[in-house]
Amino acid sequence: MEILVPYNDQILTNGSDSYAGGSPYVISMKRLQIPGLPSIVNATLLTTIVSAGNAYTFNASRSLHALALDGRAPKFLKRLNKRGVPYMAVIVVMLLSCLAYLALGSSSAEVINWILRFV
């Protein structure tokens, strides 16, 4: 039984040269013909992605807060809630993450220009 996925596999490319229709990990697990394995792979990948996002948000917000305490970032990033979370730094990091996600689209410049009109 083969679990390798060739670059021109119909499921992977969906019949197109520019579209990735499926994850090669999931396609290879389907080829093993073990029931439930593709779902386990998807769950593992999603858990890993969410965990990495949480870690990056935590580290970036704490770094911004530390920079604000040193006077190297805006003062509003020093604010903490009653549990000691630098919530303003978390908000800034999340907003920057959303702007970075916009870069994937072709109309990101239009959105950024729209935002800059209000700043």
C-alpha atoms as a PDB file:
ATOM      1  CA  MET A   1       0.000   0.000   0.000  1.00  0.00           C
ATOM      2  CA  GLU A   2       1.403   3.367  -1.004  1.00  0.00           C
ATOM      3  CA  ILE A   3       0.984   6.500   1.091  1.00  0.00           C
ATOM      4  CA  LEU A   4       3.068   8.838  -1.074  1.00  0.00           C
ATOM      5  CA  VAL A   5       1.117  11.542  -2.907  1.00  0.00           C
ATOM      6  CA  PRO A   6       2.421  12.546  -6.341  1.00  0.00           C
ATOM      7  CA  TYR A   7       2.421  16.243  -7.209  1.00  0.00           C
ATOM      8  CA  ASN A   8      -0.214  15.772  -9.919  1.00  0.00           C
ATOM      9  CA  ASP A   9      -2.679  13.675  -7.899  1.00  0.00           C
ATOM     10  CA  GLN A  10      -6.281  14.542  -8.844  1.00  0.00           C
ATOM     11  CA  ILE A  11      -7.424  14.861  -5.223  1.00  0.00           C
ATOM     12  CA  LEU A  12      -4.468  17.100  -4.333  1.00  0.00           C
ATOM     13  CA  THR A  13      -4.775  19.443  -7.308  1.00  0.00           C
ATOM     14  CA  ASN A  14      -8.504  19.128  -7.947  1.00  0.00           C
ATOM     15  CA  GLY A  15      -7.673  18.941 -11.658  1.00  0.00           C
ATOM     16  CA  SER A  16      -6.010  22.378 -11.642  1.00  0.00           C
ATOM     17  CA  ASP A  17      -2.404  23.547 -11.751  1.00  0.00           C
ATOM     18  CA  SER A  18      -2.976  26.384  -9.276  1.00  0.00           C
ATOM     19  CA  TYR A  19      -5.336  24.935  -6.667  1.00  0.00           C
ATOM     20  CA  ALA A  20      -4.549  22.700  -3.719  1.00  0.00           C
ATOM     21  CA  GLY A  21      -7.782  20.881  -3.017  1.00  0.00           C
ATOM     22  CA  GLY A  22      -6.667  18.744  -0.121  1.00  0.00           C
ATOM     23  CA  SER A  23      -3.971  18.201   2.432  1.00  0.00           C
ATOM     24  CA  PRO A  24      -1.318  15.697   1.358  1.00  0.00           C
ATOM     25  CA  TYR A  25      -1.333  14.336   4.920  1.00  0.00           C
ATOM     26  CA  VAL A  26      -5.035  13.575   4.776  1.00  0.00           C
ATOM     27  CA  ILE A  27      -4.815  12.162   1.247  1.00  0.00           C
ATOM     28  CA  SER A  28      -2.009   9.826   2.283  1.00  0.00           C
ATOM     29  CA  MET A  29      -4.006   8.659   5.319  1.00  0.00           C
ATOM     30  CA  LYS A  30      -7.025   7.962   3.073  1.00  0.00           C
ATOM     31  CA  ARG A  31      -4.769   5.794   0.917  1.00  0.00           C
ATOM     32  CA  LEU A  32      -3.975   3.657   3.964  1.00  0.00           C
ATOM     33  CA  GLN A  33      -7.721   2.859   4.140  1.00  0.00           C
ATOM     34  CA  ILE A  34      -7.866   2.952   7.947  1.00  0.00           C
ATOM     35  CA  PRO A  35     -11.251   4.326   9.056  1.00  0.00           C
ATOM     36  CA  GLY A  36     -11.029   7.499  11.133  1.00  0.00           C
ATOM     37  CA  LEU A  37      -7.323   8.129  10.503  1.00  0.00           C
ATOM     38  CA  PRO A  38      -7.875  11.169   8.216  1.00  0.00           C
ATOM     39  CA  SER A  39     -10.041  12.763  10.923  1.00  0.00           C
ATOM     40  CA  ILE A  40      -7.362  12.132  13.549  1.00  0.00           C
ATOM     41  CA  VAL A  41      -4.754  13.764  11.279  1.00  0.00           C
ATOM     42  CA  ASN A  42      -7.024  16.801  10.734  1.00  0.00           C
ATOM     43  CA  ALA A  43      -7.678  17.131  14.471  1.00  0.00           C
ATOM     44  CA  THR A  44      -3.963  16.883  15.226  1.00  0.00           C
ATOM     45  CA  LEU A  45      -3.084  19.525  12.633  1.00  0.00           C
ATOM     46  CA  LEU A  46      -5.771  21.911  13.885  1.00  0.00           C
ATOM     47  CA  THR A  47      -4.700  21.438  17.497  1.00  0.00           C
ATOM     48  CA  THR A  48      -1.091  22.143  16.561  1.00  0.00           C
ATOM     49  CA  ILE A  49      -2.021  25.283  14.627  1.00  0.00           C
ATOM     50  CA  VAL A  50      -4.178  26.678  17.445  1.00  0.00           C
ATOM     51  CA  SER A  51      -1.491  25.875  20.010  1.00  0.00           C
ATOM     52  CA  ALA A  52       1.180  27.665  17.971  1.00  0.00           C
ATOM     53  CA  GLY A  53      -1.103  30.686  17.539  1.00  0.00           C
ATOM     54  CA  ASN A  54      -1.710  30.861  21.284  1.00  0.00           C
ATOM     55  CA  ALA A  55       2.009  30.631  22.030  1.00  0.00           C
ATOM     56  CA  TYR A  56       2.892  33.362  19.538  1.00  0.00           C
ATOM     57  CA  THR A  57       0.132  35.631  20.854  1.00  0.00           C
ATOM     58  CA  PHE A  58       1.305  35.087  24.436  1.00  0.00           C
ATOM     59  CA  ASN A  59       4.968  35.754  23.630  1.00  0.00           C
ATOM     60  CA  ALA A  60       4.340  38.754  21.387  1.00  0.00           C
ATOM     61  CA  SER A  61       1.969  40.436  23.854  1.00  0.00           C
ATOM     62  CA  ARG A  62       4.396  39.942  26.750  1.00  0.00           C
ATOM     63  CA  SER A  63       7.248  41.318  24.615  1.00  0.00           C
ATOM     64  CA  LEU A  64       5.195  44.399  23.722  1.00  0.00           C
ATOM     65  CA  HIS A  65       4.312  44.896  27.381  1.00  0.00           C
ATOM     66  CA  ALA A  66       7.987  44.626  28.380  1.00  0.00           C
ATOM     67  CA  LEU A  67       8.940  47.146  25.696  1.00  0.00           C
ATOM     68  CA  ALA A  68       6.299  49.530  27.049  1.00  0.00           C
ATOM     69  CA  LEU A  69       7.679  49.128  30.576  1.00  0.00           C
ATOM     70  CA  ASP A  70      11.147  50.033  29.235  1.00  0.00           C
ATOM     71  CA  GLY A  71       9.712  53.106  27.503  1.00  0.00           C
ATOM     72  CA  ARG A  72      10.321  51.732  24.016  1.00  0.00           C
ATOM     73  CA  ALA A  73       6.676  51.227  23.087  1.00  0.00           C
ATOM     74  CA  PRO A  74       3.536  53.324  23.607  1.00  0.00           C
ATOM     75  CA  LYS A  75       2.456  53.743  27.243  1.00  0.00           C
ATOM     76  CA  PHE A  76      -1.036  52.332  26.722  1.00  0.00           C
ATOM     77  CA  LEU A  77       0.576  48.891  26.273  1.00  0.00           C
ATOM     78  CA  LYS A  78       1.461  48.921  29.997  1.00  0.00           C
ATOM     79  CA  ARG A  79      -2.164  48.427  31.022  1.00  0.00           C
ATOM     80  CA  LEU A  80      -3.009  45.223  32.852  1.00  0.00           C
ATOM     81  CA  ASN A  81      -6.345  43.805  33.892  1.00  0.00           C
ATOM     82  CA  LYS A  82      -6.985  42.618  37.469  1.00  0.00           C
ATOM     83  CA  ARG A  83      -5.450  39.218  36.661  1.00  0.00           C
ATOM     84  CA  GLY A  84      -2.218  40.744  35.352  1.00  0.00           C
ATOM     85  CA  VAL A  85      -2.880  40.190  31.645  1.00  0.00           C
ATOM     86  CA  PRO A  86      -1.564  42.975  29.381  1.00  0.00           C
ATOM     87  CA  TYR A  87      -4.861  43.130  27.522  1.00  0.00           C
ATOM     88  CA  MET A  88      -3.969  46.136  25.375  1.00  0.00           C
ATOM     89  CA  ALA A  89      -0.851  44.344  24.110  1.00  0.00           C
ATOM     90  CA  VAL A  90      -2.952  41.249  23.367  1.00  0.00           C
ATOM     91  CA  ILE A  91      -5.426  43.366  21.384  1.00  0.00           C
ATOM     92  CA  VAL A  92      -2.610  44.980  19.384  1.00  0.00           C
ATOM     93  CA  VAL A  93      -1.063  41.578  18.609  1.00  0.00           C
ATOM     94  CA  MET A  94      -4.422  40.171  17.506  1.00  0.00           C
ATOM     95  CA  LEU A  95      -5.080  43.179  15.274  1.00  0.00           C
ATOM     96  CA  LEU A  96      -1.658  42.820  13.691  1.00  0.00           C
ATOM     97  CA  SER A  97      -2.353  39.117  13.162  1.00  0.00           C
ATOM     98  CA  CYS A  98      -5.567  39.963  11.345  1.00  0.00           C
ATOM     99  CA  LEU A  99      -3.738  42.465   9.155  1.00  0.00           C
ATOM    100  CA  ALA A 100      -1.101  39.852   8.366  1.00  0.00           C
ATOM    101  CA  TYR A 101      -3.870  37.431   7.371  1.00  0.00           C
ATOM    102  CA  LEU A 102      -5.182  40.061   4.944  1.00  0.00           C
ATOM    103  CA  ALA A 103      -1.887  39.897   3.063  1.00  0.00           C
ATOM    104  CA  LEU A 104      -2.986  36.530   1.669  1.00  0.00           C
ATOM    105  CA  GLY A 105      -5.714  38.173  -0.386  1.00  0.00           C
ATOM    106  CA  SER A 106      -5.359  40.180  -3.548  1.00  0.00           C
ATOM    107  CA  SER A 107      -7.352  43.138  -2.197  1.00  0.00           C
ATOM    108  CA  SER A 108      -5.312  43.656   0.980  1.00  0.00           C
ATOM    109  CA  ALA A 109      -4.024  47.052  -0.141  1.00  0.00           C
ATOM    110  CA  GLU A 110      -7.603  48.268  -0.517  1.00  0.00           C
ATOM    111  CA  VAL A 111      -8.469  47.220   3.045  1.00  0.00           C
ATOM    112  CA  ILE A 112      -5.317  48.754   4.529  1.00  0.00           C
ATOM    113  CA  ASN A 113      -5.973  52.040   2.691  1.00  0.00           C
ATOM    114  CA  TRP A 114      -9.535  51.988   4.054  1.00  0.00           C
ATOM    115  CA  ILE A 115      -8.176  51.507   7.599  1.00  0.00           C
ATOM    116  CA  LEU A 116      -5.600  54.263   7.197  1.00  0.00           C
ATOM    117  CA  ARG A 117      -8.352  56.751   6.283  1.00  0.00           C
ATOM    118  CA  PHE A 118      -9.741  56.423   9.816  1.00  0.00           C
ATOM    119  CA  VAL A 119      -6.443  56.527  11.699  1.00  0.00           C
END
